[in-house]
PDB file of N, CA and C in Angstrom:
ATOM      1  N   MET A   1    -109.454 -19.482  52.215  1.00  0.00           N
ATOM      2  CA  MET A   1    -109.336 -20.882  52.599  1.00  0.00           C
ATOM      3  C   MET A   1    -109.823 -21.732  51.429  1.00  0.00           C
ATOM      4  N   LYS A   2    -109.094 -22.781  51.135  1.00  0.00           N
ATOM      5  CA  LYS A   2    -109.498 -23.728  50.091  1.00  0.00           C
ATOM      6  C   LYS A   2    -110.057 -24.976  50.765  1.00  0.00           C
ATOM      7  N   LEU A   3    -111.271 -25.326  50.419  1.00  0.00           N
ATOM      8  CA  LEU A   3    -111.913 -26.524  50.956  1.00  0.00           C
ATOM      9  C   LEU A   3    -112.056 -27.554  49.852  1.00  0.00           C
ATOM     10  N   GLU A   4    -111.792 -28.799  50.195  1.00  0.00           N
ATOM     11  CA  GLU A   4    -111.941 -29.904  49.251  1.00  0.00           C
ATOM     12  C   GLU A   4    -112.811 -30.983  49.881  1.00  0.00           C
ATOM     13  N   ILE A   5    -113.666 -31.568  49.077  1.00  0.00           N
ATOM     14  CA  ILE A   5    -114.384 -32.775  49.475  1.00  0.00           C
ATOM     15  C   ILE A   5    -113.850 -33.882  48.582  1.00  0.00           C
ATOM     16  N   LEU A   6    -113.132 -34.816  49.190  1.00  0.00           N
ATOM     17  CA  LEU A   6    -112.610 -35.966  48.465  1.00  0.00           C
ATOM     18  C   LEU A   6    -113.650 -37.076  48.549  1.00  0.00           C
ATOM     19  N   TYR A   7    -113.916 -37.721  47.422  1.00  0.00           N
ATOM     20  CA  TYR A   7    -114.960 -38.745  47.371  1.00  0.00           C
ATOM     21  C   TYR A   7    -114.617 -39.755  46.288  1.00  0.00           C
ATOM     22  N   PHE A   8    -115.290 -40.894  46.334  1.00  0.00           N
ATOM     23  CA  PHE A   8    -115.160 -41.844  45.227  1.00  0.00           C
ATOM     24  C   PHE A   8    -116.505 -41.941  44.515  1.00  0.00           C
ATOM     25  N   ASP A   9    -116.442 -42.234  43.223  1.00  0.00           N
ATOM     26  CA  ASP A   9    -117.654 -42.354  42.431  1.00  0.00           C
ATOM     27  C   ASP A   9    -118.537 -43.441  43.035  1.00  0.00           C
ATOM     28  N   GLY A  10    -119.779 -43.126  43.232  1.00  0.00           N
ATOM     29  CA  GLY A  10    -120.696 -44.086  43.824  1.00  0.00           C
ATOM     30  C   GLY A  10    -120.903 -43.873  45.316  1.00  0.00           C
ATOM     31  N   CYS A  11    -120.156 -42.951  45.913  1.00  0.00           N
ATOM     32  CA  CYS A  11    -120.342 -42.652  47.340  1.00  0.00           C
ATOM     33  C   CYS A  11    -121.739 -42.070  47.532  1.00  0.00           C
ATOM     34  N   PRO A  12    -122.542 -42.671  48.409  1.00  0.00           N
ATOM     35  CA  PRO A  12    -123.912 -42.198  48.572  1.00  0.00           C
ATOM     36  C   PRO A  12    -124.040 -40.950  49.441  1.00  0.00           C
ATOM     37  N   THR A  13    -122.948 -40.494  50.075  1.00  0.00           N
ATOM     38  CA  THR A  13    -123.093 -39.405  51.044  1.00  0.00           C
ATOM     39  C   THR A  13    -122.261 -38.159  50.768  1.00  0.00           C
ATOM     40  N   TYR A  14    -121.465 -38.144  49.704  1.00  0.00           N
ATOM     41  CA  TYR A  14    -120.628 -36.956  49.515  1.00  0.00           C
ATOM     42  C   TYR A  14    -121.460 -35.715  49.200  1.00  0.00           C
ATOM     43  N   ARG A  15    -122.602 -35.872  48.551  1.00  0.00           N
ATOM     44  CA  ARG A  15    -123.463 -34.705  48.281  1.00  0.00           C
ATOM     45  C   ARG A  15    -124.062 -34.159  49.579  1.00  0.00           C
ATOM     46  N   ALA A  16    -124.366 -35.041  50.532  1.00  0.00           N
ATOM     47  CA  ALA A  16    -124.853 -34.582  51.838  1.00  0.00           C
ATOM     48  C   ALA A  16    -123.763 -33.787  52.548  1.00  0.00           C
ATOM     49  N   ALA A  17    -122.519 -34.247  52.450  1.00  0.00           N
ATOM     50  CA  ALA A  17    -121.393 -33.524  53.051  1.00  0.00           C
ATOM     51  C   ALA A  17    -121.220 -32.168  52.379  1.00  0.00           C
ATOM     52  N   GLU A  18    -121.360 -32.134  51.057  1.00  0.00           N
ATOM     53  CA  GLU A  18    -121.245 -30.870  50.322  1.00  0.00           C
ATOM     54  C   GLU A  18    -122.344 -29.895  50.760  1.00  0.00           C
ATOM     55  N   GLY A  19    -123.565 -30.397  50.905  1.00  0.00           N
ATOM     56  CA  GLY A  19    -124.667 -29.543  51.334  1.00  0.00           C
ATOM     57  C   GLY A  19    -124.468 -28.998  52.736  1.00  0.00           C
ATOM     58  N   ALA A  20    -124.044 -29.856  53.659  1.00  0.00           N
ATOM     59  CA  ALA A  20    -123.814 -29.417  55.040  1.00  0.00           C
ATOM     60  C   ALA A  20    -122.679 -28.404  55.102  1.00  0.00           C
ATOM     61  N   LEU A  21    -121.622 -28.651  54.352  1.00  0.00           N
ATOM     62  CA  LEU A  21    -120.487 -27.732  54.353  1.00  0.00           C
ATOM     63  C   LEU A  21    -120.877 -26.393  53.730  1.00  0.00           C
ATOM     64  N   SER A  22    -121.609 -26.417  52.638  1.00  0.00           N
ATOM     65  CA  SER A  22    -122.060 -25.173  52.001  1.00  0.00           C
ATOM     66  C   SER A  22    -122.946 -24.370  52.942  1.00  0.00           C
ATOM     67  N   GLU A  23    -123.843 -25.061  53.644  1.00  0.00           N
ATOM     68  CA  GLU A  23    -124.714 -24.381  54.607  1.00  0.00           C
ATOM     69  C   GLU A  23    -123.895 -23.798  55.754  1.00  0.00           C
ATOM     70  N   ALA A  24    -122.900 -24.534  56.228  1.00  0.00           N
ATOM     71  CA  ALA A  24    -122.037 -24.038  57.303  1.00  0.00           C
ATOM     72  C   ALA A  24    -121.259 -22.805  56.848  1.00  0.00           C
ATOM     73  N   LEU A  25    -120.763 -22.820  55.621  1.00  0.00           N
ATOM     74  CA  LEU A  25    -120.038 -21.658  55.090  1.00  0.00           C
ATOM     75  C   LEU A  25    -120.946 -20.433  55.034  1.00  0.00           C
ATOM     76  N   ARG A  26    -122.170 -20.612  54.552  1.00  0.00           N
ATOM     77  CA  ARG A  26    -123.124 -19.500  54.495  1.00  0.00           C
ATOM     78  C   ARG A  26    -123.435 -18.989  55.896  1.00  0.00           C
ATOM     79  N   ALA A  27    -123.688 -19.901  56.832  1.00  0.00           N
ATOM     80  CA  ALA A  27    -124.039 -19.508  58.196  1.00  0.00           C
ATOM     81  C   ALA A  27    -122.911 -18.733  58.873  1.00  0.00           C
ATOM     82  N   GLU A  28    -121.674 -19.098  58.560  1.00  0.00           N
ATOM     83  CA  GLU A  28    -120.520 -18.426  59.165  1.00  0.00           C
ATOM     84  C   GLU A  28    -120.087 -17.194  58.371  1.00  0.00           C
ATOM     85  N   GLY A  29    -120.669 -16.991  57.181  1.00  0.00           N
ATOM     86  CA  GLY A  29    -120.261 -15.874  56.337  1.00  0.00           C
ATOM     87  C   GLY A  29    -118.822 -16.001  55.886  1.00  0.00           C
ATOM     88  N   LEU A  30    -118.389 -17.236  55.703  1.00  0.00           N
ATOM     89  CA  LEU A  30    -116.988 -17.518  55.397  1.00  0.00           C
ATOM     90  C   LEU A  30    -116.757 -17.566  53.898  1.00  0.00           C
ATOM     91  N   ASP A  31    -115.721 -16.903  53.459  1.00  0.00           N
ATOM     92  CA  ASP A  31    -115.331 -16.888  52.053  1.00  0.00           C
ATOM     93  C   ASP A  31    -114.343 -18.025  51.831  1.00  0.00           C
ATOM     94  N   ALA A  32    -114.726 -19.006  51.042  1.00  0.00           N
ATOM     95  CA  ALA A  32    -113.850 -20.161  50.820  1.00  0.00           C
ATOM     96  C   ALA A  32    -114.076 -20.711  49.425  1.00  0.00           C
ATOM     97  N   TRP A  33    -113.074 -21.364  48.906  1.00  0.00           N
ATOM     98  CA  TRP A  33    -113.128 -22.045  47.616  1.00  0.00           C
ATOM     99  C   TRP A  33    -113.438 -23.505  47.905  1.00  0.00           C
ATOM    100  N   LEU A  34    -114.516 -24.041  47.336  1.00  0.00           N
ATOM    101  CA  LEU A  34    -114.914 -25.428  47.572  1.00  0.00           C
ATOM    102  C   LEU A  34    -114.762 -26.225  46.287  1.00  0.00           C
ATOM    103  N   GLU A  35    -113.997 -27.303  46.357  1.00  0.00           N
ATOM    104  CA  GLU A  35    -113.730 -28.136  45.187  1.00  0.00           C
ATOM    105  C   GLU A  35    -114.045 -29.595  45.506  1.00  0.00           C
ATOM    106  N   LEU A  36    -114.703 -30.268  44.579  1.00  0.00           N
ATOM    107  CA  LEU A  36    -114.924 -31.708  44.688  1.00  0.00           C
ATOM    108  C   LEU A  36    -113.755 -32.415  44.016  1.00  0.00           C
ATOM    109  N   VAL A  37    -113.153 -33.374  44.728  1.00  0.00           N
ATOM    110  CA  VAL A  37    -111.986 -34.097  44.219  1.00  0.00           C
ATOM    111  C   VAL A  37    -112.326 -35.582  44.167  1.00  0.00           C
ATOM    112  N   ALA A  38    -112.410 -36.126  42.958  1.00  0.00           N
ATOM    113  CA  ALA A  38    -112.702 -37.552  42.788  1.00  0.00           C
ATOM    114  C   ALA A  38    -111.438 -38.369  43.045  1.00  0.00           C
ATOM    115  N   VAL A  39    -111.579 -39.397  43.861  1.00  0.00           N
ATOM    116  CA  VAL A  39    -110.498 -40.351  44.127  1.00  0.00           C
ATOM    117  C   VAL A  39    -110.939 -41.650  43.468  1.00  0.00           C
ATOM    118  N   ASN A  40    -110.223 -42.066  42.426  1.00  0.00           N
ATOM    119  CA  ASN A  40    -110.707 -43.157  41.585  1.00  0.00           C
ATOM    120  C   ASN A  40    -110.023 -44.498  41.775  1.00  0.00           C
ATOM    121  N   THR A  41    -108.834 -44.511  42.373  1.00  0.00           N
ATOM    122  CA  THR A  41    -108.092 -45.768  42.517  1.00  0.00           C
ATOM    123  C   THR A  41    -107.485 -45.865  43.914  1.00  0.00           C
ATOM    124  N   ASP A  42    -107.119 -47.080  44.304  1.00  0.00           N
ATOM    125  CA  ASP A  42    -106.433 -47.256  45.584  1.00  0.00           C
ATOM    126  C   ASP A  42    -105.086 -46.536  45.583  1.00  0.00           C
ATOM    127  N   GLU A  43    -104.446 -46.447  44.416  1.00  0.00           N
ATOM    128  CA  GLU A  43    -103.173 -45.727  44.316  1.00  0.00           C
ATOM    129  C   GLU A  43    -103.372 -44.241  44.623  1.00  0.00           C
ATOM    130  N   GLU A  44    -104.439 -43.647  44.067  1.00  0.00           N
ATOM    131  CA  GLU A  44    -104.748 -42.253  44.376  1.00  0.00           C
ATOM    132  C   GLU A  44    -105.094 -42.098  45.850  1.00  0.00           C
ATOM    133  N   ALA A  45    -105.849 -43.047  46.394  1.00  0.00           N
ATOM    134  CA  ALA A  45    -106.211 -43.003  47.809  1.00  0.00           C
ATOM    135  C   ALA A  45    -104.961 -42.997  48.679  1.00  0.00           C
ATOM    136  N   SER A  46    -103.994 -43.809  48.331  1.00  0.00           N
ATOM    137  CA  SER A  46    -102.750 -43.867  49.090  1.00  0.00           C
ATOM    138  C   SER A  46    -101.968 -42.563  48.955  1.00  0.00           C
ATOM    139  N   ARG A  47    -101.851 -42.067  47.744  1.00  0.00           N
ATOM    140  CA  ARG A  47    -101.102 -40.826  47.505  1.00  0.00           C
ATOM    141  C   ARG A  47    -101.742 -39.645  48.235  1.00  0.00           C
ATOM    142  N   LEU A  48    -103.070 -39.603  48.264  1.00  0.00           N
ATOM    143  CA  LEU A  48    -103.799 -38.507  48.903  1.00  0.00           C
ATOM    144  C   LEU A  48    -104.058 -38.737  50.393  1.00  0.00           C
ATOM    145  N   ARG A  49    -103.641 -39.908  50.897  1.00  0.00           N
ATOM    146  CA  ARG A  49    -103.893 -40.274  52.302  1.00  0.00           C
ATOM    147  C   ARG A  49    -105.391 -40.120  52.607  1.00  0.00           C
ATOM    148  N   PHE A  50    -106.157 -40.842  51.813  1.00  0.00           N
ATOM    149  CA  PHE A  50    -107.616 -40.760  51.790  1.00  0.00           C
ATOM    150  C   PHE A  50    -108.217 -41.781  52.749  1.00  0.00           C
ATOM    151  N   PRO A  51    -108.815 -41.327  53.876  1.00  0.00           N
ATOM    152  CA  PRO A  51    -109.364 -42.274  54.848  1.00  0.00           C
ATOM    153  C   PRO A  51    -110.767 -42.766  54.526  1.00  0.00           C
ATOM    154  N   GLY A  52    -111.369 -42.252  53.479  1.00  0.00           N
ATOM    155  CA  GLY A  52    -112.708 -42.690  53.107  1.00  0.00           C
ATOM    156  C   GLY A  52    -113.534 -41.534  52.593  1.00  0.00           C
ATOM    157  N   SER A  53    -114.645 -41.894  51.976  1.00  0.00           N
ATOM    158  CA  SER A  53    -115.503 -40.911  51.334  1.00  0.00           C
ATOM    159  C   SER A  53    -116.760 -40.664  52.150  1.00  0.00           C
ATOM    160  N   PRO A  54    -117.080 -39.406  52.371  1.00  0.00           N
ATOM    161  CA  PRO A  54    -116.388 -38.197  51.957  1.00  0.00           C
ATOM    162  C   PRO A  54    -115.367 -37.739  53.001  1.00  0.00           C
ATOM    163  N   THR A  55    -114.284 -37.144  52.535  1.00  0.00           N
ATOM    164  CA  THR A  55    -113.284 -36.523  53.399  1.00  0.00           C
ATOM    165  C   THR A  55    -113.271 -35.037  53.078  1.00  0.00           C
ATOM    166  N   ILE A  56    -113.328 -34.209  54.103  1.00  0.00           N
ATOM    167  CA  ILE A  56    -113.353 -32.760  53.918  1.00  0.00           C
ATOM    168  C   ILE A  56    -112.036 -32.191  54.431  1.00  0.00           C
ATOM    169  N   ARG A  57    -111.353 -31.449  53.561  1.00  0.00           N
ATOM    170  CA  ARG A  57    -110.077 -30.842  53.932  1.00  0.00           C
ATOM    171  C   ARG A  57    -110.129 -29.332  53.736  1.00  0.00           C
ATOM    172  N   ALA A  58    -109.499 -28.627  54.665  1.00  0.00           N
ATOM    173  CA  ALA A  58    -109.336 -27.175  54.583  1.00  0.00           C
ATOM    174  C   ALA A  58    -107.850 -26.894  54.476  1.00  0.00           C
ATOM    175  N   ASP A  59    -107.463 -26.268  53.377  1.00  0.00           N
ATOM    176  CA  ASP A  59    -106.047 -25.982  53.125  1.00  0.00           C
ATOM    177  C   ASP A  59    -105.196 -27.234  53.318  1.00  0.00           C
ATOM    178  N   GLY A  60    -105.721 -28.372  52.840  1.00  0.00           N
ATOM    179  CA  GLY A  60    -104.984 -29.633  52.867  1.00  0.00           C
ATOM    180  C   GLY A  60    -105.074 -30.421  54.155  1.00  0.00           C
ATOM    181  N   ARG A  61    -105.751 -29.882  55.176  1.00  0.00           N
ATOM    182  CA  ARG A  61    -105.853 -30.579  56.468  1.00  0.00           C
ATOM    183  C   ARG A  61    -107.273 -31.082  56.684  1.00  0.00           C
ATOM    184  N   ASP A  62    -107.372 -32.325  57.131  1.00  0.00           N
ATOM    185  CA  ASP A  62    -108.674 -32.951  57.371  1.00  0.00           C
ATOM    186  C   ASP A  62    -109.416 -32.179  58.461  1.00  0.00           C
ATOM    187  N   LEU A  63    -110.653 -31.762  58.171  1.00  0.00           N
ATOM    188  CA  LEU A  63    -111.448 -31.071  59.189  1.00  0.00           C
ATOM    189  C   LEU A  63    -111.863 -32.011  60.315  1.00  0.00           C
ATOM    190  N   PHE A  64    -111.857 -33.297  60.044  1.00  0.00           N
ATOM    191  CA  PHE A  64    -112.240 -34.308  61.029  1.00  0.00           C
ATOM    192  C   PHE A  64    -111.135 -35.365  61.048  1.00  0.00           C
ATOM    193  N   PRO A  65    -109.982 -35.042  61.662  1.00  0.00           N
ATOM    194  CA  PRO A  65    -108.800 -35.918  61.572  1.00  0.00           C
ATOM    195  C   PRO A  65    -109.063 -37.342  62.056  1.00  0.00           C
ATOM    196  N   VAL A  66    -108.377 -38.262  61.404  1.00  0.00           N
ATOM    197  CA  VAL A  66    -108.418 -39.677  61.772  1.00  0.00           C
ATOM    198  C   VAL A  66    -106.999 -40.106  62.111  1.00  0.00           C
ATOM    199  N   PRO A  67    -106.848 -41.173  62.901  1.00  0.00           N
ATOM    200  CA  PRO A  67    -105.499 -41.658  63.207  1.00  0.00           C
ATOM    201  C   PRO A  67    -104.762 -42.047  61.931  1.00  0.00           C
ATOM    202  N   ASP A  68    -103.450 -41.842  61.939  1.00  0.00           N
ATOM    203  CA  ASP A  68    -102.638 -42.241  60.795  1.00  0.00           C
ATOM    204  C   ASP A  68    -102.757 -43.747  60.623  1.00  0.00           C
ATOM    205  N   ARG A  69    -102.616 -44.197  59.411  1.00  0.00           N
ATOM    206  CA  ARG A  69    -102.734 -45.625  59.127  1.00  0.00           C
ATOM    207  C   ARG A  69    -101.690 -46.016  58.100  1.00  0.00           C
ATOM    208  N   SER A  70    -101.455 -47.290  57.990  1.00  0.00           N
ATOM    209  CA  SER A  70    -100.454 -47.760  57.030  1.00  0.00           C
ATOM    210  C   SER A  70    -101.058 -47.994  55.651  1.00  0.00           C
ATOM    211  N   ALA A  71    -102.365 -48.202  55.578  1.00  0.00           N
ATOM    212  CA  ALA A  71    -103.017 -48.460  54.291  1.00  0.00           C
ATOM    213  C   ALA A  71    -104.164 -47.477  54.085  1.00  0.00           C
ATOM    214  N   TRP A  72    -104.221 -46.915  52.892  1.00  0.00           N
ATOM    215  CA  TRP A  72    -105.285 -46.005  52.503  1.00  0.00           C
ATOM    216  C   TRP A  72    -105.955 -46.610  51.274  1.00  0.00           C
ATOM    217  N   ALA A  73    -107.267 -46.584  51.213  1.00  0.00           N
ATOM    218  CA  ALA A  73    -107.956 -47.219  50.090  1.00  0.00           C
ATOM    219  C   ALA A  73    -109.343 -46.610  49.919  1.00  0.00           C
ATOM    220  N   LEU A  74    -109.946 -46.904  48.782  1.00  0.00           N
ATOM    221  CA  LEU A  74    -111.310 -46.456  48.537  1.00  0.00           C
ATOM    222  C   LEU A  74    -112.250 -47.125  49.527  1.00  0.00           C
ATOM    223  N   GLY A  75    -113.188 -46.376  50.038  1.00  0.00           N
ATOM    224  CA  GLY A  75    -114.165 -46.922  50.965  1.00  0.00           C
ATOM    225  C   GLY A  75    -115.007 -45.806  51.542  1.00  0.00           C
ATOM    226  N   CYS A  76    -116.025 -46.182  52.274  1.00  0.00           N
ATOM    227  CA  CYS A  76    -116.902 -45.210  52.917  1.00  0.00           C
ATOM    228  C   CYS A  76    -116.318 -44.779  54.255  1.00  0.00           C
ATOM    229  N   ARG A  77    -116.682 -43.603  54.667  1.00  0.00           N
ATOM    230  CA  ARG A  77    -116.244 -43.047  55.940  1.00  0.00           C
ATOM    231  C   ARG A  77    -117.481 -42.760  56.772  1.00  0.00           C
ATOM    232  N   THR A  78    -117.367 -42.927  58.077  1.00  0.00           N
ATOM    233  CA  THR A  78    -118.480 -42.589  58.958  1.00  0.00           C
ATOM    234  C   THR A  78    -118.047 -41.493  59.919  1.00  0.00           C
ATOM    235  N   TYR A  79    -119.025 -40.742  60.377  1.00  0.00           N
ATOM    236  CA  TYR A  79    -118.812 -39.631  61.299  1.00  0.00           C
ATOM    237  C   TYR A  79    -119.694 -39.844  62.526  1.00  0.00           C
ATOM    238  N   ALA A  80    -119.139 -39.622  63.703  1.00  0.00           N
ATOM    239  CA  ALA A  80    -119.896 -39.718  64.951  1.00  0.00           C
ATOM    240  C   ALA A  80    -120.636 -38.399  65.143  1.00  0.00           C
ATOM    241  N   THR A  81    -121.921 -38.388  64.791  1.00  0.00           N
ATOM    242  CA  THR A  81    -122.741 -37.182  64.903  1.00  0.00           C
ATOM    243  C   THR A  81    -123.554 -37.250  66.192  1.00  0.00           C
ATOM    244  N   PRO A  82    -124.184 -36.143  66.587  1.00  0.00           N
ATOM    245  CA  PRO A  82    -125.059 -36.187  67.763  1.00  0.00           C
ATOM    246  C   PRO A  82    -126.209 -37.188  67.611  1.00  0.00           C
ATOM    247  N   GLU A  83    -126.569 -37.516  66.360  1.00  0.00           N
ATOM    248  CA  GLU A  83    -127.653 -38.471  66.102  1.00  0.00           C
ATOM    249  C   GLU A  83    -127.148 -39.894  65.902  1.00  0.00           C
ATOM    250  N   GLY A  84    -125.856 -40.125  66.083  1.00  0.00           N
ATOM    251  CA  GLY A  84    -125.269 -41.444  65.866  1.00  0.00           C
ATOM    252  C   GLY A  84    -124.356 -41.433  64.650  1.00  0.00           C
ATOM    253  N   LEU A  85    -123.865 -42.612  64.270  1.00  0.00           N
ATOM    254  CA  LEU A  85    -122.954 -42.705  63.128  1.00  0.00           C
ATOM    255  C   LEU A  85    -123.695 -42.405  61.830  1.00  0.00           C
ATOM    256  N   LYS A  86    -123.091 -41.527  61.024  1.00  0.00           N
ATOM    257  CA  LYS A  86    -123.669 -41.156  59.730  1.00  0.00           C
ATOM    258  C   LYS A  86    -122.555 -41.074  58.699  1.00  0.00           C
ATOM    259  N   GLY A  87    -122.937 -41.010  57.445  1.00  0.00           N
ATOM    260  CA  GLY A  87    -121.977 -40.974  56.355  1.00  0.00           C
ATOM    261  C   GLY A  87    -121.436 -39.597  56.032  1.00  0.00           C
ATOM    262  N   ALA A  88    -121.909 -38.568  56.740  1.00  0.00           N
ATOM    263  CA  ALA A  88    -121.431 -37.202  56.516  1.00  0.00           C
ATOM    264  C   ALA A  88    -121.594 -36.416  57.813  1.00  0.00           C
ATOM    265  N   PRO A  89    -120.741 -35.417  58.023  1.00  0.00           N
ATOM    266  CA  PRO A  89    -120.895 -34.582  59.217  1.00  0.00           C
ATOM    267  C   PRO A  89    -122.129 -33.685  59.092  1.00  0.00           C
ATOM    268  N   THR A  90    -122.644 -33.249  60.221  1.00  0.00           N
ATOM    269  CA  THR A  90    -123.795 -32.353  60.249  1.00  0.00           C
ATOM    270  C   THR A  90    -123.340 -30.915  59.982  1.00  0.00           C
ATOM    271  N   VAL A  91    -124.305 -30.030  59.777  1.00  0.00           N
ATOM    272  CA  VAL A  91    -124.000 -28.608  59.610  1.00  0.00           C
ATOM    273  C   VAL A  91    -123.295 -28.085  60.861  1.00  0.00           C
ATOM    274  N   GLY A  92    -123.813 -28.430  62.037  1.00  0.00           N
ATOM    275  CA  GLY A  92    -123.199 -27.973  63.285  1.00  0.00           C
ATOM    276  C   GLY A  92    -121.767 -28.457  63.439  1.00  0.00           C
ATOM    277  N   MET A  93    -121.521 -29.712  63.098  1.00  0.00           N
ATOM    278  CA  MET A  93    -120.156 -30.246  63.159  1.00  0.00           C
ATOM    279  C   MET A  93    -119.252 -29.502  62.182  1.00  0.00           C
ATOM    280  N   SER A  94    -119.769 -29.224  60.999  1.00  0.00           N
ATOM    281  CA  SER A  94    -118.986 -28.510  59.987  1.00  0.00           C
ATOM    282  C   SER A  94    -118.672 -27.092  60.446  1.00  0.00           C
ATOM    283  N   ARG A  95    -119.648 -26.416  61.042  1.00  0.00           N
ATOM    284  CA  ARG A  95    -119.403 -25.060  61.557  1.00  0.00           C
ATOM    285  C   ARG A  95    -118.329 -25.075  62.628  1.00  0.00           C
ATOM    286  N   ALA A  96    -118.420 -26.016  63.565  1.00  0.00           N
ATOM    287  CA  ALA A  96    -117.420 -26.108  64.635  1.00  0.00           C
ATOM    288  C   ALA A  96    -116.035 -26.413  64.069  1.00  0.00           C
ATOM    289  N   ALA A  97    -115.975 -27.305  63.089  1.00  0.00           N
ATOM    290  CA  ALA A  97    -114.683 -27.659  62.489  1.00  0.00           C
ATOM    291  C   ALA A  97    -114.085 -26.472  61.744  1.00  0.00           C
ATOM    292  N   LEU A  98    -114.915 -25.705  61.051  1.00  0.00           N
ATOM    293  CA  LEU A  98    -114.418 -24.517  60.355  1.00  0.00           C
ATOM    294  C   LEU A  98    -113.877 -23.496  61.345  1.00  0.00           C
ATOM    295  N   ARG A  99    -114.578 -23.303  62.457  1.00  0.00           N
ATOM    296  CA  ARG A  99    -114.082 -22.384  63.493  1.00  0.00           C
ATOM    297  C   ARG A  99    -112.756 -22.869  64.055  1.00  0.00           C
ATOM    298  N   GLY A 100    -112.650 -24.172  64.280  1.00  0.00           N
ATOM    299  CA  GLY A 100    -111.402 -24.734  64.787  1.00  0.00           C
ATOM    300  C   GLY A 100    -110.262 -24.566  63.802  1.00  0.00           C
ATOM    301  N   GLN A 101    -110.564 -24.703  62.525  1.00  0.00           N
ATOM    302  CA  GLN A 101    -109.546 -24.560  61.476  1.00  0.00           C
ATOM    303  C   GLN A 101    -108.998 -23.140  61.435  1.00  0.00           C
ATOM    304  N   THR A 102    -109.857 -22.160  61.693  1.00  0.00           N
ATOM    305  CA  THR A 102    -109.440 -20.761  61.612  1.00  0.00           C
ATOM    306  C   THR A 102    -109.095 -20.192  62.981  1.00  0.00           C
ATOM    307  N   GLY A 103    -109.072 -21.041  64.007  1.00  0.00           N
ATOM    308  CA  GLY A 103    -108.774 -20.559  65.354  1.00  0.00           C
ATOM    309  C   GLY A 103    -109.844 -19.630  65.882  1.00  0.00           C
ATOM    310  N   GLY A 104    -111.054 -19.763  65.331  1.00  0.00           N
ATOM    311  CA  GLY A 104    -112.157 -18.915  65.762  1.00  0.00           C
ATOM    312  C   GLY A 104    -112.177 -17.568  65.064  1.00  0.00           C
ATOM    313  N   ALA A 105    -111.121 -17.251  64.312  1.00  0.00           N
ATOM    314  CA  ALA A 105    -111.035 -15.966  63.616  1.00  0.00           C
ATOM    315  C   ALA A 105    -111.486 -16.151  62.174  1.00  0.00           C
ATOM    316  N   LEU A 106    -112.781 -16.191  61.977  1.00  0.00           N
ATOM    317  CA  LEU A 106    -113.321 -16.400  60.636  1.00  0.00           C
ATOM    318  C   LEU A 106    -113.156 -15.145  59.794  1.00  0.00           C
ATOM    319  N   ARG A 107    -112.833 -15.345  58.523  1.00  0.00           N
ATOM    320  CA  ARG A 107    -112.758 -14.243  57.567  1.00  0.00           C
ATOM    321  C   ARG A 107    -114.134 -14.119  56.934  1.00  0.00           C
ATOM    322  N   HIS A 108    -114.791 -13.042  57.190  1.00  0.00           N
ATOM    323  CA  HIS A 108    -116.140 -12.863  56.663  1.00  0.00           C
ATOM    324  C   HIS A 108    -116.098 -12.179  55.311  1.00  0.00           C
ATOM    325  N   SER A 109    -116.989 -12.600  54.444  1.00  0.00           N
ATOM    326  CA  SER A 109    -117.144 -11.959  53.142  1.00  0.00           C
ATOM    327  C   SER A 109    -118.378 -11.077  53.201  1.00  0.00           C
ATOM    328  N   PRO A 110    -118.451 -10.047  52.344  1.00  0.00           N
ATOM    329  CA  PRO A 110    -119.627  -9.185  52.364  1.00  0.00           C
ATOM    330  C   PRO A 110    -120.904  -9.921  51.984  1.00  0.00           C
ATOM    331  N   GLU A 111    -120.780 -10.930  51.138  1.00  0.00           N
ATOM    332  CA  GLU A 111    -121.925 -11.747  50.744  1.00  0.00           C
ATOM    333  C   GLU A 111    -121.602 -13.195  51.042  1.00  0.00           C
ATOM    334  N   ALA A 112    -122.618 -13.970  51.317  1.00  0.00           N
ATOM    335  CA  ALA A 112    -122.393 -15.402  51.547  1.00  0.00           C
ATOM    336  C   ALA A 112    -121.884 -16.029  50.260  1.00  0.00           C
ATOM    337  N   PRO A 113    -120.893 -16.935  50.351  1.00  0.00           N
ATOM    338  CA  PRO A 113    -120.369 -17.575  49.144  1.00  0.00           C
ATOM    339  C   PRO A 113    -121.406 -18.493  48.519  1.00  0.00           C
ATOM    340  N   SER A 114    -121.325 -18.634  47.213  1.00  0.00           N
ATOM    341  CA  SER A 114    -122.223 -19.573  46.538  1.00  0.00           C
ATOM    342  C   SER A 114    -121.577 -20.937  46.505  1.00  0.00           C
ATOM    343  N   SER A 115    -122.390 -21.971  46.397  1.00  0.00           N
ATOM    344  CA  SER A 115    -121.848 -23.334  46.392  1.00  0.00           C
ATOM    345  C   SER A 115    -121.529 -23.816  45.027  1.00  0.00           C
TER     346      SER A 115
END
């Protein structure tokens, strides 16, 4: 599975999303490729259908889907966590989303992946 974190320079929460996702991958024993993808312009945001920073995608699909929209642009994204609105999903949310992405059939690696 290829995972991407799309973000814009100056986003205060993409590193928190990266940390939560890395921890979720380790906890699930999931073998995945994690790449940080900088989105630098509104044109790139539109081309990538970028709903805000940070956006986490697995094999090109948003782990936390948002409704389709007519305009895509640089901006912050919020997540409805058990603790309220935050700028990044929690480890638990990331684990659940990864399970949903794989239909519950996680591919385990012999060693936890490094971040």
